[in-house]
Protein backbone atom coordinates (compact mmCIF):
# COMPACT_ATOMS: atom_id res chain seq x y z
CA MET A 1 -46.99 -7.07 24.42
CA LEU A 2 -45.23 -6.41 21.15
CA THR A 3 -42.86 -3.73 22.32
CA LYS A 4 -39.88 -5.95 23.22
CA LEU A 5 -40.35 -8.07 20.13
CA ALA A 6 -40.67 -5.10 17.80
CA GLN A 7 -37.44 -3.62 19.19
CA LEU A 8 -35.53 -6.64 17.96
CA THR A 9 -35.86 -5.90 14.29
CA ASP A 10 -36.22 -2.95 11.93
CA HIS A 11 -38.12 -5.08 9.43
CA PRO A 12 -41.21 -3.03 8.41
CA ALA A 13 -43.39 -6.12 7.97
CA PHE A 14 -42.57 -7.54 11.41
CA ARG A 15 -45.95 -8.34 13.07
CA VAL A 16 -46.46 -10.91 15.79
CA PRO A 17 -49.87 -11.51 17.36
CA PRO A 18 -50.07 -11.45 21.16
CA ALA A 19 -49.77 -14.84 22.88
CA PRO A 20 -53.19 -16.45 23.32
CA THR A 21 -54.56 -16.48 26.88
CA PRO A 22 -56.57 -19.22 28.63
CA ALA A 23 -59.63 -17.03 28.27
CA GLU A 24 -59.13 -16.84 24.48
CA ILE A 25 -58.26 -20.52 23.99
CA PRO A 26 -59.45 -22.53 27.02
CA ASP A 27 -58.34 -25.86 25.59
CA VAL A 28 -54.81 -26.49 26.81
CA ALA A 29 -53.71 -28.61 23.79
CA GLU A 30 -55.02 -26.02 21.33
CA ARG A 31 -53.35 -23.18 23.23
CA ARG A 32 -50.08 -25.08 23.35
CA ALA A 33 -50.19 -25.68 19.60
CA ALA A 34 -50.95 -21.99 18.98
CA LEU A 35 -48.00 -20.93 21.10
CA TRP A 36 -45.69 -23.34 19.25
CA LYS A 37 -46.86 -21.92 15.91
CA ARG A 38 -46.41 -18.39 17.24
CA ARG A 39 -42.82 -19.16 18.30
CA GLN A 40 -42.02 -20.58 14.83
CA ASP A 41 -43.44 -17.46 13.22
CA ILE A 42 -41.14 -15.30 15.37
CA GLU A 43 -38.18 -17.46 14.42
CA ALA A 44 -38.97 -17.16 10.71
CA MET A 45 -39.18 -13.37 10.90
CA VAL A 46 -36.37 -12.32 13.13
CA PHE A 47 -34.25 -15.10 14.66
CA TYR A 48 -32.06 -17.90 13.38
CA ARG A 49 -31.46 -16.58 9.87
CA GLU A 50 -28.32 -17.35 7.92
CA GLY A 51 -25.13 -15.92 9.46
CA THR A 52 -22.54 -16.68 12.10
CA GLU A 53 -22.93 -16.95 15.84
CA ASP A 54 -20.99 -13.69 16.35
CA ASN A 55 -23.48 -11.72 14.21
CA HIS A 56 -26.65 -10.48 15.78
CA PHE A 57 -30.10 -10.05 14.33
CA HIS A 58 -29.69 -6.27 14.57
CA TRP A 59 -26.57 -4.42 13.32
CA SER A 60 -26.49 -2.11 16.32
CA VAL A 61 -25.96 -5.05 18.74
CA THR A 62 -23.16 -6.39 16.59
CA ALA A 63 -21.51 -2.93 16.53
CA LEU A 64 -21.88 -2.48 20.28
CA THR A 65 -20.37 -5.84 21.17
CA GLN A 66 -17.40 -5.22 18.86
CA LEU A 67 -16.80 -1.82 20.47
CA LEU A 68 -16.95 -3.39 23.91
CA LYS A 69 -14.46 -6.08 22.84
CA LEU A 70 -12.01 -3.46 21.53
CA GLY A 71 -12.36 -1.46 24.73
CA LEU A 72 -11.62 -4.47 26.91
CA MET A 73 -8.60 -5.37 24.78
CA SER A 74 -7.29 -1.82 24.95
CA VAL A 75 -7.24 -1.83 28.77
CA GLY A 76 -5.83 -5.42 29.00
CA LEU A 77 -8.96 -7.05 30.39
CA TRP A 78 -10.06 -9.15 27.41
CA GLN A 79 -8.03 -12.28 28.15
CA ARG A 80 -8.91 -12.15 31.82
CA GLY A 81 -12.60 -12.11 30.91
CA ARG A 82 -12.12 -15.05 28.57
CA ARG A 83 -10.35 -17.05 31.30
CA ASN A 84 -13.18 -16.22 33.70
CA ALA A 85 -15.76 -17.42 31.22
CA ARG A 86 -13.95 -20.78 30.87
CA THR A 87 -13.65 -21.32 34.58
CA VAL A 88 -16.79 -23.18 35.60
CA HIS A 89 -18.07 -24.22 39.00
CA LEU A 90 -20.42 -26.88 40.35
CA ARG A 91 -22.42 -25.54 43.32
CA GLU A 92 -23.70 -28.08 45.83
CA VAL A 93 -27.05 -26.92 47.33
CA VAL A 94 -28.97 -28.66 50.10
CA TRP A 95 -32.59 -27.65 50.65
CA GLU A 96 -34.82 -28.71 53.55
CA HIS A 97 -38.14 -28.47 51.81
CA PRO A 98 -41.34 -28.61 53.89
CA GLY A 99 -43.33 -29.98 50.96
CA LEU A 100 -40.99 -32.86 50.17
CA PRO A 101 -42.41 -36.32 50.94
CA LYS A 102 -40.27 -38.45 53.24
CA SER A 103 -39.93 -40.99 50.44
CA LEU A 104 -38.07 -38.42 48.32
CA ASP A 105 -35.60 -37.44 50.98
CA GLY A 106 -32.19 -37.10 49.32
CA LEU A 107 -33.56 -36.53 45.78
CA THR A 108 -30.83 -34.95 43.65
CA ILE A 109 -31.19 -32.55 40.73
CA LEU A 110 -28.48 -31.44 38.31
CA HIS A 111 -29.53 -28.00 37.02
CA LEU A 112 -27.82 -26.75 33.85
CA ALA A 113 -28.68 -23.27 32.59
CA ASP A 114 -27.50 -21.18 29.65
CA LEU A 115 -24.80 -23.41 28.19
CA HIS A 116 -24.51 -21.08 25.17
CA TYR A 117 -22.08 -23.29 23.30
CA ARG A 118 -19.88 -21.40 20.85
CA ARG A 119 -18.66 -23.23 17.76
CA ALA A 120 -15.30 -21.57 18.07
CA ASP A 121 -14.73 -22.37 21.76
CA GLY A 122 -13.88 -26.01 22.27
CA GLU A 123 -11.97 -25.09 25.43
CA PHE A 124 -15.19 -23.99 27.14
CA ALA A 125 -17.01 -27.18 26.10
CA ALA A 126 -14.11 -29.28 27.49
CA ALA A 127 -14.18 -27.34 30.78
CA VAL A 128 -17.90 -28.15 31.21
CA GLU A 129 -17.29 -31.81 30.45
CA ASN A 130 -14.46 -32.00 32.94
CA LEU A 131 -16.59 -30.23 35.57
CA LEU A 132 -19.44 -32.76 35.26
CA GLU A 133 -17.34 -35.91 34.79
CA GLY A 134 -18.72 -38.61 37.08
CA VAL A 135 -21.55 -36.47 38.53
CA GLU A 136 -24.63 -38.50 39.55
CA ALA A 137 -28.15 -37.19 40.08
CA ASP A 138 -31.74 -38.40 40.00
CA LEU A 139 -32.76 -35.76 37.46
CA CYS A 140 -30.99 -33.58 34.96
CA LEU A 141 -32.98 -30.39 34.27
CA MET A 142 -31.92 -27.86 31.61
CA THR A 143 -33.48 -24.40 31.41
CA GLY A 144 -32.69 -23.21 27.89
CA ASP A 145 -30.23 -21.26 25.74
CA TYR A 146 -27.93 -23.92 24.35
CA ARG A 147 -26.35 -21.84 21.61
CA PHE A 148 -24.21 -18.69 21.88
CA GLY A 149 -25.88 -16.52 19.25
CA HIS A 150 -29.13 -16.57 17.30
CA LEU A 151 -27.74 -17.15 13.81
CA GLY A 152 -26.00 -19.91 11.96
CA PRO A 153 -26.03 -23.72 12.28
CA CYS A 154 -26.14 -25.43 15.67
CA ASP A 155 -24.80 -28.96 15.00
CA HIS A 156 -21.94 -28.23 17.43
CA VAL A 157 -24.56 -27.80 20.20
CA TRP A 158 -25.79 -31.38 19.68
CA ARG A 159 -22.23 -32.80 19.70
CA ASN A 160 -21.37 -30.98 22.90
CA LEU A 161 -24.61 -32.00 24.62
CA ARG A 162 -23.97 -35.63 23.70
CA ARG A 163 -20.45 -35.53 25.18
CA LEU A 164 -21.71 -33.78 28.29
CA LEU A 165 -24.47 -36.30 28.93
CA GLU A 166 -22.08 -39.22 28.40
CA ARG A 167 -20.13 -38.01 31.44
CA VAL A 168 -23.01 -37.92 33.96
CA THR A 169 -25.22 -40.62 35.48
CA ILE A 170 -28.90 -39.62 35.61
CA ARG A 171 -31.26 -42.13 37.13
CA HIS A 172 -34.72 -40.75 36.24
CA GLY A 173 -34.29 -38.76 33.08
CA CYS A 174 -33.17 -35.53 31.52
CA PHE A 175 -35.73 -32.80 30.79
CA ALA A 176 -35.28 -29.48 29.02
CA ILE A 177 -37.03 -26.34 27.86
CA LEU A 178 -36.17 -23.81 25.15
CA GLY A 179 -34.67 -20.37 25.78
CA ASN A 180 -34.86 -17.21 23.72
CA HIS A 181 -31.70 -18.24 21.75
CA ASP A 182 -33.10 -21.62 20.72
CA ALA A 183 -34.97 -22.41 17.55
CA THR A 184 -37.58 -25.17 17.72
CA SER A 185 -35.44 -27.06 15.22
CA LEU A 186 -32.59 -27.13 17.76
CA ALA A 187 -34.59 -29.60 19.85
CA GLU A 188 -35.21 -32.10 17.00
CA PRO A 189 -32.30 -34.39 18.01
CA PHE A 190 -33.18 -34.19 21.72
CA PRO A 191 -34.99 -37.59 21.82
CA GLU A 192 -31.92 -39.29 20.31
CA LEU A 193 -29.78 -37.62 23.03
CA GLY A 194 -32.16 -38.86 25.74
CA ILE A 195 -33.59 -35.41 26.47
CA ARG A 196 -37.32 -34.85 26.85
CA LEU A 197 -38.37 -31.38 25.65
CA LEU A 198 -41.16 -29.82 27.69
CA TYR A 199 -42.97 -27.07 25.79
CA ASN A 200 -45.64 -25.53 28.04
CA GLU A 201 -46.34 -29.03 29.25
CA GLY A 202 -45.51 -31.42 32.08
CA VAL A 203 -44.80 -35.02 32.69
CA GLU A 204 -45.53 -37.29 35.66
CA LEU A 205 -42.70 -39.40 37.05
CA ASN A 206 -42.85 -42.12 39.64
CA ILE A 207 -39.75 -41.87 41.78
CA ARG A 208 -39.50 -44.21 44.82
CA ASP A 209 -43.22 -44.91 44.43
CA THR A 210 -43.93 -41.18 44.79
CA PRO A 211 -45.57 -38.98 42.13
CA VAL A 212 -43.37 -36.13 40.86
CA TRP A 213 -44.46 -33.55 38.29
CA ILE A 214 -41.91 -31.87 36.02
CA GLY A 215 -43.37 -28.87 34.19
CA GLY A 216 -41.65 -26.75 31.56
CA THR A 217 -42.62 -23.44 29.94
CA ASP A 218 -41.52 -21.44 26.96
CA ASP A 219 -39.51 -18.22 27.32
CA SER A 220 -41.48 -15.33 28.87
CA HIS A 221 -38.94 -12.55 28.41
CA ILE A 222 -38.36 -12.28 24.64
CA ILE A 223 -40.61 -14.87 23.00
CA GLN A 224 -43.33 -14.15 25.53
CA SER A 225 -45.05 -17.49 25.07
CA ALA A 226 -44.83 -18.99 28.56
CA ASP A 227 -47.97 -20.77 29.74
CA LEU A 228 -47.67 -21.95 33.35
CA LEU A 229 -51.25 -23.22 33.42
CA ALA A 230 -50.45 -25.52 30.49
CA ALA A 231 -47.15 -26.61 32.02
CA LEU A 232 -48.92 -27.60 35.24
CA HIS A 233 -52.07 -28.96 33.59
CA GLY A 234 -52.71 -32.46 34.91
CA LYS A 235 -50.73 -32.16 38.13
CA ARG A 236 -52.48 -33.26 41.29
CA GLU A 237 -52.17 -32.02 44.88
CA GLU A 238 -50.05 -35.06 45.82
CA HIS A 239 -47.43 -34.28 43.15
CA PHE A 240 -44.13 -32.82 44.26
CA THR A 241 -43.82 -30.21 41.51
CA ILE A 242 -40.68 -28.88 39.84
CA LEU A 243 -41.13 -26.09 37.29
CA LEU A 244 -38.58 -25.30 34.61
CA THR A 245 -38.66 -21.79 33.18
CA HIS A 246 -36.10 -19.79 31.28
CA THR A 247 -36.42 -16.58 33.30
CA PRO A 248 -37.28 -15.60 36.88
CA GLU A 249 -40.21 -13.43 35.82
CA ASP A 250 -42.99 -15.96 36.62
CA ILE A 251 -42.04 -16.72 40.22
CA HIS A 252 -45.16 -15.35 41.87
CA GLU A 253 -47.55 -17.05 39.42
CA ALA A 254 -45.69 -20.36 40.00
CA GLU A 255 -46.03 -19.97 43.77
CA GLN A 256 -49.75 -19.30 43.45
CA LEU A 257 -50.20 -22.36 41.22
CA GLY A 258 -48.58 -24.60 43.79
CA ALA A 259 -45.12 -25.34 42.37
CA ASP A 260 -42.58 -26.52 44.92
CA VAL A 261 -39.28 -25.85 43.07
CA TYR A 262 -38.58 -23.24 40.39
CA LEU A 263 -35.42 -23.47 38.31
CA CYS A 264 -34.35 -20.83 35.78
CA GLY A 265 -31.43 -18.83 34.38
CA HIS A 266 -31.36 -16.32 31.46
CA THR A 267 -29.87 -13.42 33.49
CA HIS A 268 -26.32 -14.92 33.59
CA GLY A 269 -26.15 -13.27 37.02
CA GLY A 270 -25.33 -10.15 35.04
CA GLN A 271 -22.28 -11.78 33.40
CA ILE A 272 -20.37 -8.52 33.89
CA ARG A 273 -20.62 -7.22 37.48
CA LEU A 274 -18.88 -4.04 38.54
CA PRO A 275 -17.46 -3.62 42.03
CA TRP A 276 -19.77 -1.69 44.36
CA TRP A 277 -22.31 -1.46 41.53
CA GLY A 278 -23.41 -4.94 40.58
CA PRO A 279 -24.56 -6.21 37.21
CA VAL A 280 -24.30 -3.88 34.20
CA VAL A 281 -27.45 -5.53 32.73
CA SER A 282 -30.01 -7.65 34.62
CA ASN A 283 -32.22 -8.56 31.68
CA ALA A 284 -35.25 -9.56 33.73
CA LYS A 285 -38.31 -7.73 35.13
CA CYS A 286 -38.48 -9.04 38.66
CA ALA A 287 -37.25 -8.19 42.17
CA PRO A 288 -33.45 -7.80 42.43
CA GLU A 289 -33.17 -10.70 44.87
CA HIS A 290 -34.68 -13.03 42.25
CA LYS A 291 -32.34 -12.09 39.39
CA HIS A 292 -29.49 -14.26 40.64
CA GLY A 293 -28.90 -16.90 43.29
CA ILE A 294 -30.95 -18.96 45.71
CA TRP A 295 -34.27 -17.57 46.94
CA ARG A 296 -37.57 -18.57 48.50
CA VAL A 297 -41.11 -17.21 48.08
CA GLY A 298 -43.57 -18.81 50.49
CA ASP A 299 -43.09 -22.55 50.05
CA LEU A 300 -41.57 -22.14 46.60
CA PHE A 301 -37.80 -22.76 46.55
CA GLY A 302 -35.85 -21.47 43.58
CA ILE A 303 -32.53 -20.84 41.88
CA THR A 304 -31.81 -18.23 39.23
CA SER A 305 -28.50 -19.58 37.94
CA ALA A 306 -25.70 -17.49 36.53
CA GLY A 307 -25.44 -20.30 33.99
CA LEU A 308 -22.42 -21.92 32.45
CA GLY A 309 -22.04 -19.97 29.20
CA THR A 310 -22.02 -16.40 27.96
CA THR A 311 -23.68 -14.52 25.17
CA ASP A 312 -23.25 -11.34 23.13
CA ILE A 313 -19.66 -11.16 24.30
CA PRO A 314 -17.83 -14.22 25.67
CA VAL A 315 -16.40 -12.80 28.90
CA ARG A 316 -17.26 -12.77 32.57
CA TYR A 317 -16.23 -10.45 35.38
CA ASN A 318 -17.07 -10.91 39.07
CA CYS A 319 -19.74 -13.41 38.09
CA PRO A 320 -18.48 -17.01 37.95
CA ALA A 321 -20.06 -19.56 35.61
CA GLU A 322 -21.99 -22.20 37.51
CA ALA A 323 -24.08 -25.35 37.46
CA HIS A 324 -26.02 -26.63 40.50
CA ARG A 325 -26.41 -30.04 42.04
CA ILE A 326 -29.37 -29.77 44.43
CA THR A 327 -30.11 -32.24 47.21
CA LEU A 328 -33.63 -32.06 48.61
CA ARG A 329 -34.24 -33.04 52.22
CA SER A 330 -37.60 -33.57 53.89
CA VAL A 331 -38.23 -31.64 57.09
């Protein structure tokens, strides 16, 4: 459990307890509070310290990204990668879902993943705003990672989110979860922005006189504090259920728990994909077909988005940045 976390720092005092399980803390509210405290402890020890967004929590990652940048510049590919990263796409997806009530036919979802706003890149923020200008949807669902790095202030994230949301029309609310780049403090202004944060919890909506459950978990890849049982606690069989997660690593558990739609990102689709080879780094422990794109497991429909932003190094190759507007149709 601690291996991935321990690799993120060389601090000799770094100790993080395993995430509590339902068997250890059966009460959902208590377990949720314990996971929130655990996340804050991780943040205090390793993430979100003073620094700039281009510095990483470990010197070796900073050195590697700088070497990669110099290499790309030396072969004349740096500017192409920067242009690719600022060229964003809105994918229109239509799903015929067997579990969708007739009353929800035509329900639309705007899915935004991995915005990764950089303070120094107003051109990217403007491209996203232009892409989403005038877009309408019933729900706006955001699956984490709103900042580029882990360090430094994030006031620019709030300004960019405000401008983005001013350009779209969302009829039934905007809901979000945290990613592995996001401090809990990043979400403090969310209510003012009209965003409801879901932390291992869910909320019931009434859309067209039909019950809909929106559940959201914490990150399960780095923070390792996702609790799907807590996120779906309270949902009933008649709920059409949409689950927000940061990574695609909980797909099979979500299908077993009766979720209908699974939205995630985190992998960036690889961000850098080589011809005939594919992604250099996948960054998720799951089947290859679930690491990027549209997929289905049983009656669970899902998207692992390549996301809009970048991280570590602000370039893309053979992996366009994307948001999704999903239209659900009843069968």
